[in-house]
Amino acid sequence: MLALVVLPRTILSFVAFSFLTVISASIKSDSTMAMRRAPPLLFPASAKHTATVIFIHGLGDTGYGWAPAVENWRRRQRLDEVKFILPHAPRIPVTAAEGMQMPGWYDILALSGKVDDIRKDQDERGILLSRDYFHGLIQAEIDAGIPANRIVLGGFSQGGAISLFSGLTAKTKLAGIIGLSSYLPLDSKFSEFVKENDHNHQTPILMCHGEEDQVVPTSFGKMSYENLKKLGFDVTMKLYPGMPHSACPEELDEVEAFLRARLPPQGDKKSEL
């Protein structure tokens, strides 16, 4: 599930590595993780830093895969107070790829495009380890002075799935959660996990999905949306006709609008903790 970001007049894939303003974040690896992690990519805020977006790539990709989208948002100068953190997944053996090692947030047992195959025998241990890692990134931002209500967690495909799970079980109330071409992992046990930290029932969630997605079936995205709706979460879903397992300019505009609404400029105004 590689992140292919389609921007106006150009198609940029995750192999595009030349970004002038990208620097490595100084966030340390989670000591509880057995695997080694590269530091995330960090795009500093153009103005005073008052908010942070952590955006998570999909299976087989790296943080570089979503750097073009971030660069595009930065050029438009509508999110100048936002710092973007793009983490890199560790390389793990992936069962669906016959054990081949690739960047992944947790193991995937099947890539058949069938909902039942994705839902059964999920890598609960890997999902929980990655959740803890992202909770650590969130806490690092809070410790650095950014309130939780000025932090958005989002991602694409497997990154969107772990964003939904990690965001909805976060230890503090976030500003927003985004899941693109994704689903809710461990959905059959989700109610048990959310009881531990149920701070984000009223947090706005944006889910987007292509109607021709054959990798993470559109029906699975809809099922996750409907389940969250039934549980009382504040979730919105946008569908894109003809779009496969990828992103499109209209979707990226929708994400930008969501970020602007959830993280409005503050200037010298202080957010309450």
Protein backbone atom coordinates (compact mmCIF):
# COMPACT_ATOMS: atom_id res chain seq x y z
CA MET A 1 0.00 0.00 0.00
CA LEU A 2 2.30 2.71 -1.23
CA ALA A 3 1.28 6.32 -0.89
CA LEU A 4 0.98 7.89 -4.32
CA VAL A 5 0.19 11.57 -3.91
CA VAL A 6 -1.36 13.19 -6.98
CA LEU A 7 -0.92 16.94 -7.03
CA PRO A 8 -2.01 19.47 -9.68
CA ARG A 9 -0.02 19.04 -12.93
CA THR A 10 2.36 16.51 -11.46
CA ILE A 11 2.48 13.05 -9.93
CA LEU A 12 4.88 12.73 -7.03
CA SER A 13 5.72 9.36 -5.49
CA PHE A 14 7.51 8.48 -2.31
CA VAL A 15 10.87 8.31 -4.08
CA ALA A 16 11.04 12.11 -4.33
CA PHE A 17 13.64 12.98 -1.73
CA SER A 18 14.71 16.58 -2.43
CA PHE A 19 12.90 18.93 -0.08
CA LEU A 20 14.72 22.09 0.93
CA THR A 21 13.05 22.71 4.25
CA VAL A 22 13.01 19.15 5.58
CA ILE A 23 15.14 18.42 8.62
CA SER A 24 15.34 15.40 10.87
CA ALA A 25 13.35 15.58 14.08
CA SER A 26 15.13 15.10 17.36
CA ILE A 27 12.39 12.86 18.72
CA LYS A 28 14.00 9.74 20.17
CA SER A 29 12.92 6.19 19.38
CA ASP A 30 10.52 4.56 21.80
CA SER A 31 12.69 2.47 24.11
CA THR A 32 9.94 -0.13 24.39
CA MET A 33 10.22 -1.02 20.72
CA ALA A 34 12.48 -3.92 19.82
CA MET A 35 13.04 -2.62 16.27
CA ARG A 36 15.12 0.42 15.39
CA ARG A 37 13.34 3.54 14.20
CA ALA A 38 14.69 6.38 12.10
CA PRO A 39 13.85 9.85 13.41
CA PRO A 40 10.75 11.33 11.73
CA LEU A 41 10.93 14.03 9.09
CA LEU A 42 10.14 17.42 10.53
CA PHE A 43 8.70 20.40 8.69
CA PRO A 44 8.91 23.35 11.09
CA ALA A 45 6.13 25.90 11.27
CA SER A 46 6.67 28.88 8.95
CA ALA A 47 5.42 31.28 11.64
CA LYS A 48 5.14 30.91 15.41
CA HIS A 49 4.66 27.22 16.22
CA THR A 50 1.24 26.77 17.85
CA ALA A 51 0.05 23.42 16.43
CA THR A 52 1.37 20.08 15.21
CA VAL A 53 0.20 17.52 12.65
CA ILE A 54 1.59 13.98 12.83
CA PHE A 55 0.91 12.30 9.47
CA ILE A 56 1.62 8.58 9.02
CA HIS A 57 2.49 6.82 5.76
CA GLY A 58 1.22 3.46 4.56
CA LEU A 59 2.76 0.00 4.23
CA GLY A 60 5.97 -0.06 2.18
CA ASP A 61 6.34 3.71 2.14
CA THR A 62 8.38 6.16 4.24
CA GLY A 63 7.73 9.60 5.67
CA TYR A 64 9.09 11.01 2.41
CA GLY A 65 5.99 9.72 0.62
CA TRP A 66 3.84 12.48 2.09
CA ALA A 67 6.42 15.25 2.00
CA PRO A 68 5.09 16.54 -1.39
CA ALA A 69 1.61 17.01 0.08
CA VAL A 70 3.04 18.86 3.07
CA GLU A 71 5.18 21.04 0.79
CA ASN A 72 2.07 21.87 -1.23
CA TRP A 73 0.14 22.92 1.88
CA ARG A 74 3.10 25.01 3.06
CA ARG A 75 3.32 26.83 -0.29
CA ARG A 76 -0.32 27.88 0.08
CA GLN A 77 0.55 29.55 3.41
CA ARG A 78 -2.69 28.60 5.14
CA LEU A 79 -1.10 26.47 7.86
CA ASP A 80 1.87 28.64 8.78
CA GLU A 81 1.69 27.94 12.52
CA VAL A 82 1.66 24.17 12.04
CA LYS A 83 4.67 21.89 12.39
CA PHE A 84 4.39 18.62 10.44
CA ILE A 85 5.92 15.39 11.71
CA LEU A 86 6.21 12.53 9.18
CA PRO A 87 7.36 9.34 10.96
CA HIS A 88 9.12 6.42 9.26
CA ALA A 89 7.92 2.89 9.98
CA PRO A 90 10.54 0.30 10.95
CA ARG A 91 11.27 -2.48 8.47
CA ILE A 92 9.39 -5.63 9.46
CA PRO A 93 8.67 -8.99 7.77
CA VAL A 94 5.23 -8.83 6.16
CA THR A 95 3.33 -12.11 5.95
CA ALA A 96 1.25 -11.01 2.94
CA ALA A 97 4.52 -10.44 1.04
CA GLU A 98 5.90 -13.90 1.89
CA GLY A 99 7.89 -12.52 4.80
CA MET A 100 9.71 -9.87 2.79
CA GLN A 101 10.90 -6.99 4.97
CA MET A 102 9.45 -3.55 4.28
CA PRO A 103 8.42 -0.47 6.26
CA GLY A 104 5.27 -1.28 8.20
CA TRP A 105 3.46 -0.27 11.36
CA TYR A 106 2.24 -3.82 11.93
CA ASP A 107 2.11 -7.10 10.05
CA ILE A 108 -0.50 -7.67 7.34
CA LEU A 109 -1.50 -11.28 6.81
CA ALA A 110 -3.36 -10.86 3.52
CA LEU A 111 -3.59 -8.32 0.70
CA SER A 112 -6.39 -10.00 -1.22
CA GLY A 113 -8.65 -6.96 -1.23
CA LYS A 114 -11.27 -8.89 0.75
CA VAL A 115 -12.66 -7.37 3.94
CA ASP A 116 -12.76 -10.67 5.84
CA ASP A 117 -9.10 -11.38 5.06
CA ILE A 118 -8.04 -8.01 6.48
CA ARG A 119 -10.20 -8.34 9.60
CA LYS A 120 -9.19 -11.84 10.64
CA ASP A 121 -5.97 -12.65 12.51
CA GLN A 122 -4.85 -9.02 12.89
CA ASP A 123 -1.42 -8.29 14.35
CA GLU A 124 -2.68 -7.03 17.71
CA ARG A 125 0.77 -6.89 19.30
CA GLY A 126 2.19 -4.84 16.41
CA ILE A 127 -0.80 -2.51 16.40
CA LEU A 128 -0.47 -1.86 20.14
CA LEU A 129 3.30 -1.29 19.88
CA SER A 130 2.79 1.28 17.12
CA ARG A 131 -0.05 2.88 19.08
CA ASP A 132 2.32 3.35 22.02
CA TYR A 133 4.93 4.89 19.71
CA PHE A 134 2.44 7.48 18.41
CA HIS A 135 1.17 8.21 21.90
CA GLY A 136 4.82 8.93 22.69
CA LEU A 137 5.11 11.36 19.77
CA ILE A 138 1.97 13.14 20.95
CA GLN A 139 3.31 13.37 24.48
CA ALA A 140 6.63 14.75 23.21
CA GLU A 141 4.75 17.62 21.54
CA ILE A 142 2.77 18.28 24.72
CA ASP A 143 5.98 18.28 26.75
CA ALA A 144 7.41 20.81 24.26
CA GLY A 145 4.50 23.18 24.97
CA ILE A 146 1.91 22.32 22.31
CA PRO A 147 -1.47 21.55 23.93
CA ALA A 148 -3.18 18.31 22.93
CA ASN A 149 -6.10 20.31 21.54
CA ARG A 150 -3.66 21.74 18.96
CA ILE A 151 -2.46 18.33 17.72
CA VAL A 152 -3.94 16.37 14.79
CA LEU A 153 -3.06 12.73 14.08
CA GLY A 154 -3.63 11.42 10.57
CA GLY A 155 -2.42 9.02 7.92
CA PHE A 156 -2.95 7.08 4.70
CA SER A 157 -3.81 3.38 4.29
CA GLN A 158 -2.09 1.42 7.10
CA GLY A 159 -1.00 4.80 8.45
CA GLY A 160 -4.61 5.98 8.44
CA ALA A 161 -5.69 2.80 10.20
CA ILE A 162 -3.14 3.21 12.99
CA SER A 163 -4.06 6.92 13.20
CA LEU A 164 -7.70 6.08 13.83
CA PHE A 165 -6.82 3.48 16.46
CA SER A 166 -4.11 5.54 18.17
CA GLY A 167 -6.05 8.78 18.05
CA LEU A 168 -9.27 7.34 19.43
CA THR A 169 -7.40 5.65 22.29
CA ALA A 170 -5.11 8.63 23.00
CA LYS A 171 -4.51 9.63 26.59
CA THR A 172 -5.58 13.23 25.93
CA LYS A 173 -8.22 14.93 23.75
CA LEU A 174 -6.79 15.78 20.34
CA ALA A 175 -7.82 18.50 17.88
CA GLY A 176 -8.68 16.02 15.15
CA ILE A 177 -8.03 12.62 13.56
CA ILE A 178 -7.68 11.79 9.84
CA GLY A 179 -7.89 8.40 8.10
CA LEU A 180 -7.38 8.29 4.31
CA SER A 181 -8.12 5.07 2.40
CA SER A 182 -8.11 3.24 5.72
CA TYR A 183 -10.12 1.30 8.29
CA LEU A 184 -10.42 0.80 12.04
CA PRO A 185 -8.09 -2.02 13.18
CA LEU A 186 -9.16 -4.52 15.84
CA ASP A 187 -12.73 -3.34 15.29
CA SER A 188 -14.27 -6.36 17.02
CA LYS A 189 -12.39 -5.46 20.24
CA PHE A 190 -12.28 -1.69 19.81
CA SER A 191 -14.83 -0.97 22.53
CA GLU A 192 -12.56 -2.69 25.05
CA PHE A 193 -9.54 -0.60 24.06
CA VAL A 194 -11.35 2.72 24.00
CA LYS A 195 -12.61 2.22 27.56
CA GLU A 196 -9.03 2.63 28.80
CA ASN A 197 -8.75 6.18 27.38
CA ASP A 198 -12.06 7.51 26.12
CA HIS A 199 -11.07 11.16 25.67
CA ASN A 200 -11.87 11.57 21.97
CA HIS A 201 -15.55 10.73 21.60
CA GLN A 202 -16.24 14.33 20.55
CA THR A 203 -13.03 14.82 18.57
CA PRO A 204 -13.79 15.44 14.85
CA ILE A 205 -12.68 12.58 12.63
CA LEU A 206 -12.27 12.89 8.84
CA MET A 207 -12.31 9.69 6.79
CA CYS A 208 -11.76 9.80 3.01
CA HIS A 209 -11.86 6.89 0.57
CA GLY A 210 -11.76 6.27 -3.17
CA GLU A 211 -14.79 4.45 -4.52
CA GLU A 212 -12.57 2.18 -6.66
CA ASP A 213 -10.18 1.11 -3.90
CA GLN A 214 -9.27 -2.55 -4.41
CA VAL A 215 -6.54 -2.67 -1.73
CA VAL A 216 -8.46 -1.44 1.31
CA PRO A 217 -11.98 -2.03 0.00
CA THR A 218 -14.26 0.99 0.06
CA SER A 219 -16.84 -1.18 1.80
CA PHE A 220 -14.43 -1.71 4.70
CA GLY A 221 -13.88 2.04 5.04
CA LYS A 222 -17.64 2.54 5.07
CA MET A 223 -18.07 -0.24 7.63
CA SER A 224 -15.53 1.42 9.93
CA TYR A 225 -17.25 4.78 9.49
CA GLU A 226 -20.66 3.30 10.30
CA ASN A 227 -19.32 1.45 13.36
CA LEU A 228 -17.73 4.63 14.73
CA LYS A 229 -20.95 6.53 14.05
CA LYS A 230 -22.96 3.93 15.99
CA LEU A 231 -20.53 4.25 18.90
CA GLY A 232 -21.23 7.98 19.02
CA PHE A 233 -17.99 9.32 17.54
CA ASP A 234 -17.96 12.62 15.60
CA VAL A 235 -16.95 11.16 12.24
CA THR A 236 -17.40 12.45 8.68
CA MET A 237 -16.73 10.41 5.53
CA LYS A 238 -15.94 11.72 2.04
CA LEU A 239 -15.98 9.42 -1.01
CA TYR A 240 -14.21 10.09 -4.32
CA PRO A 241 -15.70 8.54 -7.49
CA GLY A 242 -13.19 6.71 -9.68
CA MET A 243 -10.31 7.00 -7.21
CA PRO A 244 -8.35 3.79 -6.47
CA HIS A 245 -6.01 3.28 -3.48
CA SER A 246 -4.32 6.66 -3.74
CA ALA A 247 -4.94 10.35 -3.11
CA CYS A 248 -6.23 13.13 -5.34
CA PRO A 249 -6.07 16.97 -5.30
CA GLU A 250 -9.69 17.28 -4.17
CA GLU A 251 -9.04 14.97 -1.21
CA LEU A 252 -5.89 16.87 -0.22
CA ASP A 253 -7.87 20.11 -0.36
CA GLU A 254 -10.44 18.52 1.97
CA VAL A 255 -7.67 17.54 4.39
CA GLU A 256 -6.23 21.05 4.27
CA ALA A 257 -9.65 22.56 5.01
CA PHE A 258 -10.07 20.16 7.95
CA LEU A 259 -6.66 21.14 9.33
CA ARG A 260 -7.43 24.84 8.97
CA ALA A 261 -10.73 24.37 10.81
CA ARG A 262 -9.22 22.31 13.62
CA LEU A 263 -5.98 24.34 13.93
CA PRO A 264 -6.90 27.98 13.25
CA PRO A 265 -4.10 30.57 13.52
CA GLN A 266 -3.52 31.94 16.97
CA GLY A 267 -0.73 34.45 16.55
CA ASP A 268 0.11 35.65 20.05
CA LYS A 269 -3.02 34.11 21.55
CA LYS A 270 -2.35 31.22 23.95
CA SER A 271 -4.25 27.94 23.80
CA GLU A 272 -5.55 26.47 27.05
CA LEU A 273 -3.95 23.24 28.16
